[in-house]
Amino acid sequence: MVTKLKQYNPKASEIVNDWKVVDADGQVLGRLASQVAMYLMGKHKPTYVPYMLTGDFVVVINASKIKVTGLKAEQKIYKRYSQYPGTLKEIPYARMHERQPTRIIELAVKGMLPKNKLGRQMMTRLKIYAGEEHPHSAQILGSDRREEREAKAEAAAKAASKPAAKKASEPKAEATATKKAPAKKPAAKKASAPKAEATATKKAPAKKPAAKKPAAKTATADKKPAAKKPAAKKPAAKASSDSGEK
């Protein structure tokens, strides 16, 4: 049975770039250049992808002490041509080694990298110095201690995750207990008490205006007999008129 494996495609955030130091003292030019090119491309890592910058930064020291095999020191010639007639320039290896020893390693590594934009980006990560001194000691020290920092960070994360899980479970239990207890007893008592008070306050004022209405009726009853008194005087006047006629 044939099994298909999924191709590994790393993300840009997952790629880690370290710093490598290569000492060229007594080394052969071709072997050194192939090793540096491998570091720049990232082929020494399991996360290598040909279309991404997965390689490391490389610092080459003691470039002036590089060696070549056979008769290359006498026969090797560096040529430069600008495509204009009569502009071909030839520089022998001995003169290049005296004037620009870093240029020898740079040209050898450049010929082993991809001839595209990615290869040019890789060349910017190559730092070559003729002597032992270089200004990248801080970066190299940081890359050496990266594994220690990652191990400490993982241990701290694991230690912090265990108490956090316990604390998260305790508040949930307390929250459930507080929600269940007050929902039954206090809610019923508080709801019944305001309703009884509201009904008592509404019924009391409704009875008082009903008691005031009979008072108004008695007042009108007292006023009506006062209006009937002048009616009793009229018969007296009639009696006097009758007596005069007689």
Protein backbone atom coordinates (compact mmCIF):
# COMPACT_ATOMS: atom_id res chain seq x y z
CA MET A 1 0.00 0.00 0.00
CA VAL A 2 1.38 3.38 -1.06
CA THR A 3 1.16 6.20 1.48
CA LYS A 4 1.32 9.84 0.45
CA LEU A 5 3.20 12.24 2.69
CA LYS A 6 2.22 15.86 2.88
CA GLN A 7 4.88 18.34 1.82
CA TYR A 8 6.14 20.60 4.59
CA ASN A 9 5.65 24.29 3.84
CA PRO A 10 6.90 26.49 6.69
CA LYS A 11 5.56 29.95 7.41
CA ALA A 12 7.74 33.04 7.51
CA SER A 13 7.08 33.36 11.26
CA GLU A 14 8.32 29.80 11.90
CA ILE A 15 11.73 30.33 10.27
CA VAL A 16 14.58 31.06 12.69
CA ASN A 17 17.81 32.61 11.35
CA ASP A 18 20.96 32.00 13.38
CA TRP A 19 24.48 33.36 13.03
CA LYS A 20 27.40 31.12 12.01
CA VAL A 21 31.12 31.89 12.28
CA VAL A 22 33.48 30.25 9.78
CA ASP A 23 37.24 30.52 10.20
CA ALA A 24 39.06 30.49 6.83
CA ASP A 25 42.49 30.04 8.35
CA GLY A 26 44.23 27.24 6.41
CA GLN A 27 41.07 26.08 4.59
CA VAL A 28 40.75 25.37 0.89
CA LEU A 29 38.77 27.93 -1.09
CA GLY A 30 36.34 25.55 -2.83
CA ARG A 31 35.50 23.52 0.29
CA LEU A 32 34.97 26.66 2.34
CA ALA A 33 32.76 28.28 -0.32
CA SER A 34 30.52 25.21 -0.59
CA GLN A 35 30.06 25.11 3.19
CA VAL A 36 29.20 28.81 3.37
CA ALA A 37 26.74 28.49 0.45
CA MET A 38 25.00 25.62 2.23
CA TYR A 39 24.57 27.77 5.36
CA LEU A 40 23.22 30.69 3.34
CA MET A 41 20.66 28.56 1.47
CA GLY A 42 19.60 26.70 4.62
CA LYS A 43 20.17 23.19 3.30
CA HIS A 44 21.57 22.11 6.66
CA LYS A 45 18.12 22.56 8.26
CA PRO A 46 15.07 20.29 8.09
CA THR A 47 12.93 23.40 7.35
CA TYR A 48 14.70 24.08 4.03
CA VAL A 49 12.47 25.39 1.23
CA PRO A 50 14.04 26.50 -2.07
CA TYR A 51 11.78 29.54 -2.50
CA MET A 52 12.27 31.14 0.97
CA LEU A 53 15.12 32.59 3.00
CA THR A 54 15.57 29.70 5.38
CA GLY A 55 19.35 30.05 5.73
CA ASP A 56 21.51 31.69 8.37
CA PHE A 57 23.83 34.67 8.57
CA VAL A 58 27.47 33.71 8.00
CA VAL A 59 30.53 35.57 9.29
CA VAL A 60 33.82 34.55 7.65
CA ILE A 61 37.01 35.60 9.45
CA ASN A 62 40.71 35.32 8.45
CA ALA A 63 39.90 35.60 4.76
CA SER A 64 43.49 36.59 4.02
CA LYS A 65 44.70 33.13 5.14
CA ILE A 66 42.70 31.17 2.57
CA LYS A 67 44.48 28.55 0.45
CA VAL A 68 44.07 27.04 -3.03
CA THR A 69 45.27 23.70 -4.34
CA GLY A 70 47.49 22.89 -7.31
CA LEU A 71 48.66 25.72 -9.58
CA LYS A 72 45.61 27.95 -8.99
CA ALA A 73 47.67 30.54 -7.15
CA GLU A 74 49.70 31.10 -10.35
CA GLN A 75 47.20 30.31 -13.12
CA LYS A 76 43.81 31.49 -11.78
CA ILE A 77 42.68 34.80 -13.34
CA TYR A 78 39.63 36.91 -12.46
CA LYS A 79 38.06 38.57 -15.52
CA ARG A 80 35.69 41.54 -15.69
CA TYR A 81 34.10 42.81 -18.87
CA SER A 82 31.62 45.69 -19.25
CA GLN A 83 30.43 44.69 -22.77
CA TYR A 84 32.17 47.67 -24.35
CA PRO A 85 35.09 47.14 -26.73
CA GLY A 86 38.49 47.24 -25.07
CA THR A 87 37.17 47.08 -21.47
CA LEU A 88 38.20 43.51 -20.60
CA LYS A 89 40.11 43.47 -17.30
CA GLU A 90 42.12 40.51 -16.03
CA ILE A 91 43.35 40.27 -12.42
CA PRO A 92 45.54 37.30 -11.38
CA TYR A 93 44.85 35.45 -8.14
CA ALA A 94 48.09 36.63 -6.48
CA ARG A 95 47.21 40.32 -6.98
CA MET A 96 43.61 39.79 -5.83
CA HIS A 97 44.86 38.00 -2.70
CA GLU A 98 47.09 40.93 -1.82
CA ARG A 99 44.61 43.74 -2.49
CA GLN A 100 41.15 42.27 -1.81
CA PRO A 101 41.29 38.88 -0.06
CA THR A 102 37.60 39.14 0.89
CA ARG A 103 36.67 39.42 -2.80
CA ILE A 104 38.03 35.92 -3.49
CA ILE A 105 35.64 34.23 -1.06
CA GLU A 106 32.75 36.49 -2.13
CA LEU A 107 33.06 35.51 -5.82
CA ALA A 108 33.45 31.81 -4.99
CA VAL A 109 30.29 31.77 -2.83
CA LYS A 110 28.29 33.85 -5.31
CA GLY A 111 28.90 31.28 -8.05
CA MET A 112 27.31 28.55 -5.86
CA LEU A 113 24.09 30.42 -5.03
CA PRO A 114 20.92 30.76 -7.16
CA LYS A 115 21.20 33.38 -9.94
CA ASN A 116 18.02 35.29 -9.05
CA LYS A 117 16.61 37.76 -6.53
CA LEU A 118 16.70 35.18 -3.75
CA GLY A 119 20.41 34.55 -4.35
CA ARG A 120 21.11 38.27 -4.11
CA GLN A 121 19.27 38.42 -0.80
CA MET A 122 21.37 35.53 0.48
CA MET A 123 24.56 37.39 -0.42
CA THR A 124 23.55 40.27 1.83
CA ARG A 125 23.77 37.84 4.78
CA LEU A 126 27.41 37.03 4.09
CA LYS A 127 29.93 39.06 6.16
CA ILE A 128 33.61 38.57 5.25
CA TYR A 129 36.56 40.04 7.17
CA ALA A 130 40.26 39.73 6.42
CA GLY A 131 41.24 39.45 10.11
CA GLU A 132 39.79 37.93 13.27
CA GLU A 133 37.92 40.99 14.48
CA HIS A 134 34.27 41.52 13.53
CA PRO A 135 31.39 43.63 14.96
CA HIS A 136 28.84 40.77 15.17
CA SER A 137 29.75 39.25 18.53
CA ALA A 138 26.38 40.20 20.08
CA GLN A 139 24.37 38.50 17.33
CA ILE A 140 26.49 35.35 17.54
CA LEU A 141 26.14 35.19 21.32
CA GLY A 142 22.38 35.62 21.07
CA SER A 143 22.03 32.80 18.52
CA ASP A 144 24.14 30.49 20.71
CA ARG A 145 21.87 31.10 23.69
CA ARG A 146 18.62 30.82 21.72
CA GLU A 147 18.08 27.16 22.58
CA GLU A 148 18.53 27.88 26.29
CA ARG A 149 16.04 30.75 26.13
CA GLU A 150 13.47 28.62 24.30
CA ALA A 151 13.84 25.79 26.84
CA LYS A 152 13.35 28.20 29.75
CA ALA A 153 10.34 29.80 28.08
CA GLU A 154 8.67 26.42 27.54
CA ALA A 155 9.28 25.40 31.16
CA ALA A 156 7.85 28.70 32.43
CA ALA A 157 4.80 28.36 30.18
CA LYS A 158 4.09 24.85 31.47
CA ALA A 159 4.48 25.95 35.09
CA ALA A 160 2.16 28.91 34.56
CA SER A 161 -0.50 26.87 32.76
CA LYS A 162 -1.08 24.41 35.65
CA PRO A 163 -2.06 26.95 38.40
CA ALA A 164 -4.06 28.92 35.87
CA ALA A 165 -6.19 25.88 35.09
CA LYS A 166 -6.91 25.30 38.80
CA LYS A 167 -7.82 28.94 39.44
CA ALA A 168 -10.11 28.97 36.45
CA SER A 169 -12.07 25.94 37.74
CA GLU A 170 -12.59 27.40 41.26
CA PRO A 171 -14.40 30.60 40.18
CA LYS A 172 -16.76 28.56 38.01
CA ALA A 173 -17.88 26.46 41.01
CA GLU A 174 -18.38 29.58 43.14
CA ALA A 175 -20.34 31.29 40.38
CA THR A 176 -22.72 28.33 40.02
CA ALA A 177 -23.27 28.18 43.80
CA THR A 178 -24.06 31.89 44.03
CA LYS A 179 -26.42 31.75 41.09
CA LYS A 180 -28.49 28.83 42.43
CA ALA A 181 -28.90 30.01 46.08
CA PRO A 182 -30.35 33.52 45.64
CA ALA A 183 -32.57 32.56 42.72
CA LYS A 184 -35.17 30.68 44.85
CA LYS A 185 -35.71 32.34 48.29
CA PRO A 186 -34.90 36.06 48.04
CA ALA A 187 -36.57 36.50 44.68
CA ALA A 188 -39.98 35.21 45.96
CA LYS A 189 -39.93 37.27 49.18
CA LYS A 190 -38.88 40.51 47.57
CA ALA A 191 -41.44 40.14 44.81
CA SER A 192 -44.39 39.46 47.19
CA ALA A 193 -43.60 42.28 49.64
CA PRO A 194 -43.69 45.13 47.10
CA LYS A 195 -46.92 43.80 45.60
CA ALA A 196 -48.72 43.79 48.99
CA GLU A 197 -47.54 47.33 49.74
CA ALA A 198 -48.62 48.54 46.30
CA THR A 199 -52.14 47.09 46.71
CA ALA A 200 -52.48 48.62 50.22
CA THR A 201 -51.45 52.06 49.01
CA LYS A 202 -53.82 51.90 46.04
CA LYS A 203 -56.91 50.77 48.06
CA ALA A 204 -56.55 53.27 50.98
CA PRO A 205 -56.90 56.49 48.93
CA ALA A 206 -59.87 55.04 47.02
CA LYS A 207 -62.08 54.89 50.20
CA LYS A 208 -61.45 58.49 51.42
CA PRO A 209 -63.17 60.35 48.53
CA ALA A 210 -66.26 58.13 48.98
CA ALA A 211 -66.72 59.42 52.59
CA LYS A 212 -66.70 63.10 51.47
CA LYS A 213 -69.70 62.80 49.11
CA PRO A 214 -72.42 62.60 51.86
CA ALA A 215 -71.12 65.85 53.35
CA ALA A 216 -71.87 67.64 50.10
CA LYS A 217 -75.42 66.26 50.06
CA THR A 218 -76.14 67.51 53.62
CA ALA A 219 -74.99 70.98 52.66
CA THR A 220 -77.40 71.12 49.75
CA ALA A 221 -80.22 69.77 51.98
CA ASP A 222 -79.65 72.60 54.48
CA LYS A 223 -79.80 75.24 51.79
CA LYS A 224 -83.12 74.07 50.28
CA PRO A 225 -85.31 74.75 53.40
CA ALA A 226 -83.94 78.30 53.59
CA ALA A 227 -85.34 78.97 50.13
CA LYS A 228 -88.85 77.77 51.14
CA LYS A 229 -89.30 80.37 54.01
CA PRO A 230 -90.35 83.33 51.79
CA ALA A 231 -93.10 81.14 50.35
CA ALA A 232 -94.79 81.06 53.81
CA LYS A 233 -95.13 84.92 53.97
CA LYS A 234 -97.32 85.19 50.83
CA PRO A 235 -100.55 83.88 52.44
CA ALA A 236 -100.32 86.61 55.10
CA ALA A 237 -100.46 89.35 52.47
CA LYS A 238 -103.52 87.87 50.87
CA ALA A 239 -105.34 87.79 54.16
CA SER A 240 -104.81 91.51 54.72
CA SER A 241 -106.16 92.38 51.31
CA ASP A 242 -109.25 90.39 51.91
CA SER A 243 -109.90 92.08 55.21
CA GLY A 244 -109.68 95.58 53.70
CA GLU A 245 -112.19 94.84 50.99
CA LYS A 246 -114.68 93.71 53.49
